Structures are given as C-alpha cells and as structure tokens.
C-alpha cells in the first residue's frame, strides 16, 4: 500500500499513519498483527510519507489515514480480496491402506492468501467430534504435508500411509468463515493375485517367480517319470506276450513229436531158429504224460 507525496515542507512537522482500528502505525510498539510488515520511507526521503504494508491479509482491509501535525489528513480505503474456496469435488475418494491421498482445497484467486486455514477430521464411527489434522496430533504425526507456505492459495492436504482409522469426513476451513467437506473411504485389499502383485516388494516378486519356476520344473519331472514308467510297463507287457506265444508254439512242437519203440517177441527162439523181430511204429499226438504204447506181434 502506498500513501502520498507530501511535496516540499517548511518548518517542523510530524506525520502519522493510522490503521482502521485507530492504531498508530508509526509507533515503535506495533501490534502483533502489523509487526514486521509495515515500512515508511520518510527517514531516507523526508518528503516521501508513503506507507508500505507487506504480506496482506483480509484483516488488513479498511480505512487508513495519514495525518500531518494533527490538522491535515488524507484517507485511503484498502480492500483486500479474500480467499473464495473452490467448490468441493463432491465425489467420494476411495483409497486402500498404505496409500496416500490428496484432499483438494484451494482459493479461486491464486494470488490471495487466507489469514488462517484449518483441516479437521470427523471419524465416521463417532460422528460427533471434529479433530484437528496436523503433524502435532498423535494419530497424524509425520503423515501430513501442506504446500500453502510456498503457494498460499493452495490449501490442499496430503495424507500418507493411510489406515482404516483415516476414513471419514474432512473439512477445510479458511478465516473461520468458509469451509468445504470431503468424504474419504478406506477399503480393505481384496485377496486377488492382481492386488497382491501390486503391493509386493521387488524381492518378494522375484522369489515368487523363482518358486513358480521350481514348481513348474517339479511338475515336468513328475510327468517325465510317469511317462517313463508307462513306457516300461507297455514294453514289459509286449515282451511277456511274445514269450507266452513262444512257449505255446514250443509246446505244440513237442506234442507233435512222433515216438517209436521196438518190441521183441515174447518167446525165446529154439535152437537153430533165427530170432525174428518185428518193429512197429506208433504216432502219438497226445500229451507225453499218457506214456507210450507198445505193439507186439508174433510170428
């Protein structure tokens, strides 16, 4: 805020700036509201009676007056445009445990700076008590980050490492007169392969892939062993079948053998007679266990 140029003055004179609350801004004992934010230029340039107020807030709005020797003054009206909050997104935010969420809250004019901002949390289970959200609270310690110090109009809240206790309604209030509410739901992770894979560390995924490869290799070995046993059994059956066929043919050959025997005459020949022998051959086509038949013939 700038004042006015006094021009050339003759003689002794005194200058004072008064705030809308009739506070002397040239005093060495300023109120905490203006402390460190007010500067005058008459010490370096005696004719320049302007007043500089830095880091303006809505509370700085009002009527300022510059007085000279208590009998001359000029009034200046200062209007500081306040922060008008952007509309709430309306839709419910859904997150999972361990994730982070950005709760949006900002002024429509990015050049404005609200005098105060406060975030509060209403737990769904209680539904009655609003609790402040800051790093100073036990539940939210070291999990809250706000960027309004570097970007005054950006009042969004970043909450990391979410838990189920973080769900509920959040309220952003500026200058104790405007607020928006945002609903946050924390859902449990479903035991699906996709979700489990998304939240696993790289080492866990690597060991999982190794284990899966070993299982597949084991299954392949079992299949190979089974195939080998099956082939051995089939080969053995064929060999046994061939052996049985060979034995059957051998038995048929043995049963078809022709046996012959010689039979002598029962009577002894008398002196001078020759002993005649008659040989008879019998073909035997039955089992060997029944014995041989002998045929005798006499002459």
C-alpha atoms as a PDB file:
ATOM      1  CA  UNK A   1       0.000   0.000   0.000  1.00  0.00           C
ATOM      2  CA  UNK A   2       1.392   3.386  -0.904  1.00  0.00           C
ATOM      3  CA  UNK A   3       0.472   6.750   0.581  1.00  0.00           C
ATOM      4  CA  UNK A   4       1.017  10.171  -0.880  1.00  0.00           C
ATOM      5  CA  UNK A   5       3.840  12.506  -1.809  1.00  0.00           C
ATOM      6  CA  UNK A   6       3.937  15.431   0.594  1.00  0.00           C
ATOM      7  CA  UNK A   7       5.922  17.785  -1.556  1.00  0.00           C
ATOM      8  CA  UNK A   8       8.200  20.470  -0.077  1.00  0.00           C
ATOM      9  CA  UNK A   9       7.534  21.282   3.565  1.00  0.00           C
ATOM     10  CA  UNK A  10       8.877  24.252   5.558  1.00  0.00           C
ATOM     11  CA  UNK A  11       9.433  24.161   9.285  1.00  0.00           C
ATOM     12  CA  UNK A  12       8.915  21.364  11.718  1.00  0.00           C
ATOM     13  CA  UNK A  13       6.137  18.845  11.091  1.00  0.00           C
ATOM     14  CA  UNK A  14       5.010  15.418  12.296  1.00  0.00           C
ATOM     15  CA  UNK A  15       3.427  12.567  10.290  1.00  0.00           C
ATOM     16  CA  UNK A  16       1.316   9.643  11.488  1.00  0.00           C
ATOM     17  CA  UNK A  17      -0.438   6.734   9.790  1.00  0.00           C
ATOM     18  CA  UNK A  18      -3.476   5.254  11.478  1.00  0.00           C
ATOM     19  CA  UNK A  19      -4.987   1.829  10.812  1.00  0.00           C
ATOM     20  CA  UNK A  20      -8.704   1.057  10.513  1.00  0.00           C
ATOM     21  CA  UNK A  21      -8.578   0.218  14.235  1.00  0.00           C
ATOM     22  CA  UNK A  22      -7.042   3.671  15.001  1.00  0.00           C
ATOM     23  CA  UNK A  23      -3.664   2.173  15.735  1.00  0.00           C
ATOM     24  CA  UNK A  24      -0.597   4.380  15.234  1.00  0.00           C
ATOM     25  CA  UNK A  25       1.450   2.552  12.569  1.00  0.00           C
ATOM     26  CA  UNK A  26       4.432   4.828  13.067  1.00  0.00           C
ATOM     27  CA  UNK A  27       4.811   3.759  16.650  1.00  0.00           C
ATOM     28  CA  UNK A  28       7.781   1.700  17.766  1.00  0.00           C
ATOM     29  CA  UNK A  29       5.379  -0.640  19.561  1.00  0.00           C
ATOM     30  CA  UNK A  30       3.241  -2.144  16.852  1.00  0.00           C
ATOM     31  CA  UNK A  31       0.616  -4.785  17.479  1.00  0.00           C
ATOM     32  CA  UNK A  32       1.489  -8.397  16.531  1.00  0.00           C
ATOM     33  CA  UNK A  33      -0.818  -8.084  13.529  1.00  0.00           C
ATOM     34  CA  UNK A  34       1.380  -5.423  11.853  1.00  0.00           C
ATOM     35  CA  UNK A  35       4.705  -6.341  13.369  1.00  0.00           C
ATOM     36  CA  UNK A  36       7.382  -6.783  10.702  1.00  0.00           C
ATOM     37  CA  UNK A  37       5.010  -5.822   7.857  1.00  0.00           C
ATOM     38  CA  UNK A  38       4.974  -2.021   7.973  1.00  0.00           C
ATOM     39  CA  UNK A  39       7.617   0.263   6.448  1.00  0.00           C
ATOM     40  CA  UNK A  40       7.871   4.077   5.935  1.00  0.00           C
ATOM     41  CA  UNK A  41      10.215   5.977   3.635  1.00  0.00           C
ATOM     42  CA  UNK A  42      10.433   9.433   5.261  1.00  0.00           C
ATOM     43  CA  UNK A  43      13.667   8.593   7.053  1.00  0.00           C
ATOM     44  CA  UNK A  44      15.542   8.175   3.759  1.00  0.00           C
ATOM     45  CA  UNK A  45      13.366  10.628   1.825  1.00  0.00           C
ATOM     46  CA  UNK A  46      11.801  13.165   4.188  1.00  0.00           C
ATOM     47  CA  UNK A  47       9.289  14.257   1.598  1.00  0.00           C
ATOM     48  CA  UNK A  48       8.053  10.713   0.938  1.00  0.00           C
ATOM     49  CA  UNK A  49       5.371   9.918   3.530  1.00  0.00           C
ATOM     50  CA  UNK A  50       4.147   6.695   1.875  1.00  0.00           C
ATOM     51  CA  UNK A  51       3.360   3.581   3.895  1.00  0.00           C
ATOM     52  CA  UNK A  52       4.216   0.048   2.733  1.00  0.00           C
ATOM     53  CA  UNK A  53       2.258  -2.898   4.152  1.00  0.00           C
ATOM     54  CA  UNK A  54       3.534  -6.274   3.036  1.00  0.00           C
ATOM     55  CA  UNK A  55       2.062  -9.768   3.144  1.00  0.00           C
ATOM     56  CA  UNK A  56      -1.534  -8.516   3.075  1.00  0.00           C
ATOM     57  CA  UNK A  57      -4.459 -10.432   4.552  1.00  0.00           C
ATOM     58  CA  UNK A  58      -8.199  -9.847   4.565  1.00  0.00           C
ATOM     59  CA  UNK A  59      -7.924  -8.401   8.049  1.00  0.00           C
ATOM     60  CA  UNK A  60      -5.866  -5.516   6.606  1.00  0.00           C
ATOM     61  CA  UNK A  61      -8.911  -4.203   4.783  1.00  0.00           C
ATOM     62  CA  UNK A  62     -10.325  -0.875   5.966  1.00  0.00           C
ATOM     63  CA  UNK A  63      -9.822   2.881   6.104  1.00  0.00           C
ATOM     64  CA  UNK A  64      -6.261   4.184   6.582  1.00  0.00           C
ATOM     65  CA  UNK A  65      -5.440   7.832   7.262  1.00  0.00           C
ATOM     66  CA  UNK A  66      -2.266   9.868   7.032  1.00  0.00           C
ATOM     67  CA  UNK A  67      -2.039  12.830   9.474  1.00  0.00           C
ATOM     68  CA  UNK A  68       0.365  15.765   9.416  1.00  0.00           C
ATOM     69  CA  UNK A  69       0.737  17.927  12.525  1.00  0.00           C
ATOM     70  CA  UNK A  70      -2.675  16.687  13.705  1.00  0.00           C
ATOM     71  CA  UNK A  71      -4.512  19.104  11.458  1.00  0.00           C
ATOM     72  CA  UNK A  72      -4.108  17.723   7.970  1.00  0.00           C
ATOM     73  CA  UNK A  73      -5.002  14.235   6.860  1.00  0.00           C
ATOM     74  CA  UNK A  74      -5.932  12.161   3.869  1.00  0.00           C
ATOM     75  CA  UNK A  75      -7.912   8.901   3.885  1.00  0.00           C
ATOM     76  CA  UNK A  76      -7.256   5.737   1.871  1.00  0.00           C
ATOM     77  CA  UNK A  77      -9.573   2.767   1.596  1.00  0.00           C
ATOM     78  CA  UNK A  78      -7.848  -0.580   1.294  1.00  0.00           C
ATOM     79  CA  UNK A  79      -9.779  -3.600   0.090  1.00  0.00           C
ATOM     80  CA  UNK A  80      -8.072  -6.976   0.267  1.00  0.00           C
ATOM     81  CA  UNK A  81      -9.857  -9.582  -1.767  1.00  0.00           C
ATOM     82  CA  UNK A  82     -10.312 -12.620   0.410  1.00  0.00           C
ATOM     83  CA  UNK A  83      -9.980 -16.289  -0.413  1.00  0.00           C
ATOM     84  CA  UNK A  84     -13.031 -17.796  -2.023  1.00  0.00           C
ATOM     85  CA  UNK A  85     -12.806 -21.544  -1.812  1.00  0.00           C
ATOM     86  CA  UNK A  86     -13.184 -23.614  -4.929  1.00  0.00           C
ATOM     87  CA  UNK A  87     -16.114 -25.950  -4.971  1.00  0.00           C
ATOM     88  CA  UNK A  88     -15.669 -29.359  -3.403  1.00  0.00           C
ATOM     89  CA  UNK A  89     -15.165 -32.254  -5.874  1.00  0.00           C
ATOM     90  CA  UNK A  90     -18.255 -33.824  -4.330  1.00  0.00           C
ATOM     91  CA  UNK A  91     -17.401 -37.405  -5.244  1.00  0.00           C
ATOM     92  CA  UNK A  92     -16.187 -39.725  -2.520  1.00  0.00           C
ATOM     93  CA  UNK A  93     -12.481 -40.539  -2.540  1.00  0.00           C
ATOM     94  CA  UNK A  94     -11.679 -44.254  -2.242  1.00  0.00           C
ATOM     95  CA  UNK A  95      -8.229 -45.430  -1.179  1.00  0.00           C
ATOM     96  CA  UNK A  96      -6.535 -48.535   0.239  1.00  0.00           C
ATOM     97  CA  UNK A  97      -4.373 -48.953   3.364  1.00  0.00           C
ATOM     98  CA  UNK A  98      -0.777 -47.848   2.856  1.00  0.00           C
ATOM     99  CA  UNK A  99      -1.579 -45.451   0.016  1.00  0.00           C
ATOM    100  CA  UNK A 100      -1.552 -41.632   0.020  1.00  0.00           C
ATOM    101  CA  UNK A 101      -4.398 -39.235  -0.697  1.00  0.00           C
ATOM    102  CA  UNK A 102      -4.506 -35.571  -1.699  1.00  0.00           C
ATOM    103  CA  UNK A 103      -7.529 -33.769  -0.229  1.00  0.00           C
ATOM    104  CA  UNK A 104      -8.116 -30.755  -2.542  1.00  0.00           C
ATOM    105  CA  UNK A 105      -8.773 -27.295  -1.164  1.00  0.00           C
ATOM    106  CA  UNK A 106      -7.766 -24.009  -2.830  1.00  0.00           C
ATOM    107  CA  UNK A 107      -8.722 -20.396  -3.380  1.00  0.00           C
ATOM    108  CA  UNK A 108     -10.258 -19.409  -6.682  1.00  0.00           C
ATOM    109  CA  UNK A 109      -7.803 -16.495  -6.956  1.00  0.00           C
ATOM    110  CA  UNK A 110      -4.279 -17.899  -6.819  1.00  0.00           C
ATOM    111  CA  UNK A 111      -2.875 -14.543  -5.677  1.00  0.00           C
ATOM    112  CA  UNK A 112      -4.878 -14.454  -2.456  1.00  0.00           C
ATOM    113  CA  UNK A 113      -3.648 -15.588   0.895  1.00  0.00           C
ATOM    114  CA  UNK A 114      -6.128 -16.508   3.626  1.00  0.00           C
ATOM    115  CA  UNK A 115      -5.391 -15.329   7.137  1.00  0.00           C
ATOM    116  CA  UNK A 116      -5.922 -18.804   8.549  1.00  0.00           C
ATOM    117  CA  UNK A 117      -6.581 -22.342   7.346  1.00  0.00           C
ATOM    118  CA  UNK A 118      -7.572 -25.362   9.347  1.00  0.00           C
ATOM    119  CA  UNK A 119      -8.168 -29.015   8.468  1.00  0.00           C
ATOM    120  CA  UNK A 120     -10.431 -31.166  10.650  1.00  0.00           C
ATOM    121  CA  UNK A 121     -11.447 -34.827  10.608  1.00  0.00           C
ATOM    122  CA  UNK A 122     -14.776 -36.300  11.603  1.00  0.00           C
ATOM    123  CA  UNK A 123     -14.456 -40.027  12.304  1.00  0.00           C
ATOM    124  CA  UNK A 124     -17.385 -41.992  10.889  1.00  0.00           C
ATOM    125  CA  UNK A 125     -17.693 -44.261  13.909  1.00  0.00           C
ATOM    126  CA  UNK A 126     -18.089 -41.368  16.379  1.00  0.00           C
ATOM    127  CA  UNK A 127     -19.881 -38.872  14.133  1.00  0.00           C
ATOM    128  CA  UNK A 128     -19.739 -36.085  16.716  1.00  0.00           C
ATOM    129  CA  UNK A 129     -16.244 -34.767  17.474  1.00  0.00           C
ATOM    130  CA  UNK A 130     -14.095 -32.942  14.930  1.00  0.00           C
ATOM    131  CA  UNK A 131     -10.365 -33.391  15.487  1.00  0.00           C
ATOM    132  CA  UNK A 132      -7.585 -31.227  14.048  1.00  0.00           C
ATOM    133  CA  UNK A 133      -5.432 -32.766  11.330  1.00  0.00           C
ATOM    134  CA  UNK A 134      -1.779 -31.830  11.762  1.00  0.00           C
ATOM    135  CA  UNK A 135       1.609 -33.352  12.451  1.00  0.00           C
ATOM    136  CA  UNK A 136       1.140 -32.320  16.066  1.00  0.00           C
ATOM    137  CA  UNK A 137      -1.571 -34.894  16.698  1.00  0.00           C
ATOM    138  CA  UNK A 138      -0.648 -38.428  17.713  1.00  0.00           C
ATOM    139  CA  UNK A 139      -2.648 -40.170  15.003  1.00  0.00           C
ATOM    140  CA  UNK A 140      -1.426 -37.988  12.112  1.00  0.00           C
ATOM    141  CA  UNK A 141       2.162 -37.424  13.235  1.00  0.00           C
ATOM    142  CA  UNK A 142       4.677 -37.273  10.362  1.00  0.00           C
ATOM    143  CA  UNK A 143       1.947 -38.135   7.823  1.00  0.00           C
ATOM    144  CA  UNK A 144       0.586 -34.663   6.968  1.00  0.00           C
ATOM    145  CA  UNK A 145       2.001 -32.286   4.356  1.00  0.00           C
ATOM    146  CA  UNK A 146       0.648 -28.920   3.181  1.00  0.00           C
ATOM    147  CA  UNK A 147       2.074 -26.689   0.463  1.00  0.00           C
ATOM    148  CA  UNK A 148       0.365 -23.375   1.314  1.00  0.00           C
ATOM    149  CA  UNK A 149       3.617 -21.921   2.671  1.00  0.00           C
ATOM    150  CA  UNK A 150       5.084 -21.864  -0.840  1.00  0.00           C
ATOM    151  CA  UNK A 151       1.733 -21.499  -2.623  1.00  0.00           C
ATOM    152  CA  UNK A 152      -0.610 -19.543  -0.302  1.00  0.00           C
ATOM    153  CA  UNK A 153      -3.722 -20.192  -2.367  1.00  0.00           C
ATOM    154  CA  UNK A 154      -3.151 -23.956  -2.438  1.00  0.00           C
ATOM    155  CA  UNK A 155      -4.593 -25.296   0.818  1.00  0.00           C
ATOM    156  CA  UNK A 156      -4.692 -28.981  -0.169  1.00  0.00           C
ATOM    157  CA  UNK A 157      -3.766 -31.617   2.385  1.00  0.00           C
ATOM    158  CA  UNK A 158      -1.567 -34.633   1.570  1.00  0.00           C
ATOM    159  CA  UNK A 159      -2.079 -37.550   3.931  1.00  0.00           C
ATOM    160  CA  UNK A 160       0.280 -40.510   3.522  1.00  0.00           C
ATOM    161  CA  UNK A 161       0.438 -44.112   4.775  1.00  0.00           C
ATOM    162  CA  UNK A 162      -3.327 -44.390   5.153  1.00  0.00           C
ATOM    163  CA  UNK A 163      -5.001 -46.629   7.725  1.00  0.00           C
ATOM    164  CA  UNK A 164      -8.616 -47.663   8.208  1.00  0.00           C
ATOM    165  CA  UNK A 165      -8.905 -45.078  11.008  1.00  0.00           C
ATOM    166  CA  UNK A 166      -8.324 -42.286   8.462  1.00  0.00           C
ATOM    167  CA  UNK A 167     -11.656 -42.768   6.738  1.00  0.00           C
ATOM    168  CA  UNK A 168     -14.426 -40.295   7.419  1.00  0.00           C
ATOM    169  CA  UNK A 169     -15.235 -36.681   6.542  1.00  0.00           C
ATOM    170  CA  UNK A 170     -12.547 -33.984   6.237  1.00  0.00           C
ATOM    171  CA  UNK A 171     -13.273 -30.253   6.442  1.00  0.00           C
ATOM    172  CA  UNK A 172     -11.121 -27.381   5.129  1.00  0.00           C
ATOM    173  CA  UNK A 173     -11.891 -24.033   6.807  1.00  0.00           C
ATOM    174  CA  UNK A 174     -10.373 -20.643   5.918  1.00  0.00           C
ATOM    175  CA  UNK A 175     -10.639 -17.477   8.031  1.00  0.00           C
ATOM    176  CA  UNK A 176     -13.186 -19.254  10.216  1.00  0.00           C
ATOM    177  CA  UNK A 177     -15.988 -18.361   7.809  1.00  0.00           C
ATOM    178  CA  UNK A 178     -15.681 -20.658   4.754  1.00  0.00           C
ATOM    179  CA  UNK A 179     -15.337 -24.403   4.583  1.00  0.00           C
ATOM    180  CA  UNK A 180     -15.683 -27.380   2.256  1.00  0.00           C
ATOM    181  CA  UNK A 181     -16.059 -31.054   3.158  1.00  0.00           C
ATOM    182  CA  UNK A 182     -14.593 -34.147   1.513  1.00  0.00           C
ATOM    183  CA  UNK A 183     -15.527 -37.773   2.146  1.00  0.00           C
ATOM    184  CA  UNK A 184     -12.741 -40.391   2.314  1.00  0.00           C
ATOM    185  CA  UNK A 185     -13.274 -44.168   2.392  1.00  0.00           C
ATOM    186  CA  UNK A 186     -10.556 -46.720   3.127  1.00  0.00           C
ATOM    187  CA  UNK A 187     -11.255 -50.190   1.707  1.00  0.00           C
ATOM    188  CA  UNK A 188      -9.537 -53.418   2.585  1.00  0.00           C
ATOM    189  CA  UNK A 189      -7.367 -55.046  -0.046  1.00  0.00           C
ATOM    190  CA  UNK A 190      -9.103 -57.927  -1.803  1.00  0.00           C
ATOM    191  CA  UNK A 191      -7.076 -61.171  -1.784  1.00  0.00           C
ATOM    192  CA  UNK A 192      -6.621 -61.246  -5.537  1.00  0.00           C
ATOM    193  CA  UNK A 193      -3.482 -62.015  -7.467  1.00  0.00           C
ATOM    194  CA  UNK A 194      -3.547 -58.583  -9.039  1.00  0.00           C
ATOM    195  CA  UNK A 195      -3.714 -56.682  -5.762  1.00  0.00           C
ATOM    196  CA  UNK A 196      -1.145 -58.887  -4.106  1.00  0.00           C
ATOM    197  CA  UNK A 197       1.239 -58.355  -7.010  1.00  0.00           C
ATOM    198  CA  UNK A 198       0.748 -54.571  -6.966  1.00  0.00           C
ATOM    199  CA  UNK A 199       1.691 -54.276  -3.298  1.00  0.00           C
ATOM    200  CA  UNK A 200       4.613 -56.678  -3.195  1.00  0.00           C
ATOM    201  CA  UNK A 201       8.198 -55.553  -3.000  1.00  0.00           C
ATOM    202  CA  UNK A 202      10.594 -56.358  -5.881  1.00  0.00           C
ATOM    203  CA  UNK A 203      12.350 -59.006  -3.771  1.00  0.00           C
ATOM    204  CA  UNK A 204       9.047 -60.695  -2.954  1.00  0.00           C
ATOM    205  CA  UNK A 205       8.083 -60.764  -6.635  1.00  0.00           C
ATOM    206  CA  UNK A 206      11.489 -62.223  -7.563  1.00  0.00           C
ATOM    207  CA  UNK A 207      11.211 -65.048  -5.005  1.00  0.00           C
ATOM    208  CA  UNK A 208       7.655 -65.690  -6.119  1.00  0.00           C
ATOM    209  CA  UNK A 209       8.799 -66.100  -9.726  1.00  0.00           C
ATOM    210  CA  UNK A 210      11.624 -68.435  -8.645  1.00  0.00           C
ATOM    211  CA  UNK A 211       9.211 -70.550  -6.602  1.00  0.00           C
ATOM    212  CA  UNK A 212       6.777 -70.729  -9.505  1.00  0.00           C
ATOM    213  CA  UNK A 213       9.597 -71.867 -11.836  1.00  0.00           C
ATOM    214  CA  UNK A 214      10.626 -74.594  -9.385  1.00  0.00           C
ATOM    215  CA  UNK A 215       7.045 -75.832  -9.117  1.00  0.00           C
ATOM    216  CA  UNK A 216       6.719 -75.989 -12.903  1.00  0.00           C
ATOM    217  CA  UNK A 217      10.039 -77.851 -13.142  1.00  0.00           C
ATOM    218  CA  UNK A 218       8.914 -80.340 -10.497  1.00  0.00           C
ATOM    219  CA  UNK A 219       5.649 -80.949 -12.337  1.00  0.00           C
ATOM    220  CA  UNK A 220       7.578 -81.521 -15.569  1.00  0.00           C
ATOM    221  CA  UNK A 221       9.878 -84.057 -13.873  1.00  0.00           C
ATOM    222  CA  UNK A 222       6.883 -85.921 -12.446  1.00  0.00           C
ATOM    223  CA  UNK A 223       5.313 -86.086 -15.893  1.00  0.00           C
ATOM    224  CA  UNK A 224       8.562 -87.411 -17.392  1.00  0.00           C
ATOM    225  CA  UNK A 225       8.848 -90.107 -14.698  1.00  0.00           C
ATOM    226  CA  UNK A 226       5.235 -91.098 -15.223  1.00  0.00           C
ATOM    227  CA  UNK A 227       5.786 -91.316 -18.987  1.00  0.00           C
ATOM    228  CA  UNK A 228       8.905 -93.482 -18.446  1.00  0.00           C
ATOM    229  CA  UNK A 229       7.079 -95.864 -16.116  1.00  0.00           C
ATOM    230  CA  UNK A 230       4.198 -96.115 -18.534  1.00  0.00           C
ATOM    231  CA  UNK A 231       6.506 -96.923 -21.470  1.00  0.00           C
ATOM    232  CA  UNK A 232       8.337 -99.560 -19.382  1.00  0.00           C
ATOM    233  CA  UNK A 233       5.056-101.220 -18.427  1.00  0.00           C
ATOM    234  CA  UNK A 234       3.846-101.283 -22.019  1.00  0.00           C
ATOM    235  CA  UNK A 235       7.164-102.731 -23.210  1.00  0.00           C
ATOM    236  CA  UNK A 236       7.091-105.396 -20.476  1.00  0.00           C
ATOM    237  CA  UNK A 237       3.580-106.413 -21.412  1.00  0.00           C
ATOM    238  CA  UNK A 238       4.564-106.808 -25.045  1.00  0.00           C
ATOM    239  CA  UNK A 239       7.616-108.887 -24.090  1.00  0.00           C
ATOM    240  CA  UNK A 240       5.568-111.165 -21.807  1.00  0.00           C
ATOM    241  CA  UNK A 241       3.017-111.623 -24.559  1.00  0.00           C
ATOM    242  CA  UNK A 242       5.752-112.634 -27.019  1.00  0.00           C
ATOM    243  CA  UNK A 243       7.273-115.071 -24.510  1.00  0.00           C
ATOM    244  CA  UNK A 244       3.898-116.703 -23.924  1.00  0.00           C
ATOM    245  CA  UNK A 245       3.377-117.074 -27.642  1.00  0.00           C
ATOM    246  CA  UNK A 246       6.851-118.683 -27.961  1.00  0.00           C
ATOM    247  CA  UNK A 247       6.142-121.179 -25.187  1.00  0.00           C
ATOM    248  CA  UNK A 248       2.810-122.061 -26.760  1.00  0.00           C
ATOM    249  CA  UNK A 249       4.474-122.810 -30.102  1.00  0.00           C
ATOM    250  CA  UNK A 250       7.205-124.840 -28.367  1.00  0.00           C
ATOM    251  CA  UNK A 251       4.620-126.989 -26.588  1.00  0.00           C
ATOM    252  CA  UNK A 252       2.786-127.619 -29.814  1.00  0.00           C
ATOM    253  CA  UNK A 253       6.045-128.791 -31.418  1.00  0.00           C
ATOM    254  CA  UNK A 254       6.788-131.116 -28.502  1.00  0.00           C
ATOM    255  CA  UNK A 255       3.289-132.596 -28.564  1.00  0.00           C
ATOM    256  CA  UNK A 256       3.522-133.267 -32.284  1.00  0.00           C
ATOM    257  CA  UNK A 257       6.754-135.356 -31.969  1.00  0.00           C
ATOM    258  CA  UNK A 258       6.455-138.981 -33.217  1.00  0.00           C
ATOM    259  CA  UNK A 259       7.724-141.537 -30.800  1.00  0.00           C
ATOM    260  CA  UNK A 260       8.717-145.089 -31.811  1.00  0.00           C
ATOM    261  CA  UNK A 261       9.684-148.178 -29.844  1.00  0.00           C
ATOM    262  CA  UNK A 262      10.867-151.675 -30.614  1.00  0.00           C
ATOM    263  CA  UNK A 263       9.149-154.772 -29.259  1.00  0.00           C
ATOM    264  CA  UNK A 264      10.792-158.174 -29.060  1.00  0.00           C
ATOM    265  CA  UNK A 265       8.968-161.412 -29.438  1.00  0.00           C
ATOM    266  CA  UNK A 266       7.972-162.805 -26.070  1.00  0.00           C
ATOM    267  CA  UNK A 267       9.016-166.395 -26.951  1.00  0.00           C
ATOM    268  CA  UNK A 268      12.577-167.360 -26.975  1.00  0.00           C
ATOM    269  CA  UNK A 269      13.656-168.933 -30.265  1.00  0.00           C
ATOM    270  CA  UNK A 270      14.512-172.621 -30.280  1.00  0.00           C
ATOM    271  CA  UNK A 271      17.880-173.911 -31.243  1.00  0.00           C
ATOM    272  CA  UNK A 272      18.586-173.414 -34.826  1.00  0.00           C
ATOM    273  CA  UNK A 273      15.863-170.895 -35.288  1.00  0.00           C
ATOM    274  CA  UNK A 274      16.583-167.378 -36.007  1.00  0.00           C
ATOM    275  CA  UNK A 275      15.176-164.705 -33.874  1.00  0.00           C
ATOM    276  CA  UNK A 276      12.928-162.504 -35.876  1.00  0.00           C
ATOM    277  CA  UNK A 277      11.952-159.077 -34.773  1.00  0.00           C
ATOM    278  CA  UNK A 278       9.024-157.141 -35.912  1.00  0.00           C
ATOM    279  CA  UNK A 279       9.141-153.347 -35.391  1.00  0.00           C
ATOM    280  CA  UNK A 280       6.067-151.321 -35.151  1.00  0.00           C
ATOM    281  CA  UNK A 281       5.826-147.548 -35.145  1.00  0.00           C
ATOM    282  CA  UNK A 282       3.010-145.668 -33.458  1.00  0.00           C
ATOM    283  CA  UNK A 283       2.376-141.973 -33.934  1.00  0.00           C
ATOM    284  CA  UNK A 284       1.458-140.224 -30.704  1.00  0.00           C
ATOM    285  CA  UNK A 285      -0.279-136.904 -30.912  1.00  0.00           C
ATOM    286  CA  UNK A 286      -1.476-136.615 -27.304  1.00  0.00           C
ATOM    287  CA  UNK A 287       0.275-135.432 -24.179  1.00  0.00           C
ATOM    288  CA  UNK A 288       3.569-137.086 -23.194  1.00  0.00           C
ATOM    289  CA  UNK A 289       2.243-137.752 -19.715  1.00  0.00           C
ATOM    290  CA  UNK A 290      -0.023-140.566 -21.033  1.00  0.00           C
ATOM    291  CA  UNK A 291       3.056-142.735 -21.878  1.00  0.00           C
ATOM    292  CA  UNK A 292       3.984-144.713 -24.928  1.00  0.00           C
ATOM    293  CA  UNK A 293       2.040-147.585 -26.436  1.00  0.00           C
ATOM    294  CA  UNK A 294       3.814-150.717 -27.339  1.00  0.00           C
ATOM    295  CA  UNK A 295       2.687-153.112 -30.038  1.00  0.00           C
ATOM    296  CA  UNK A 296       3.790-156.670 -30.020  1.00  0.00           C
ATOM    297  CA  UNK A 297       3.464-159.047 -32.904  1.00  0.00           C
ATOM    298  CA  UNK A 298       4.336-162.699 -33.067  1.00  0.00           C
ATOM    299  CA  UNK A 299       5.313-164.666 -35.978  1.00  0.00           C
END
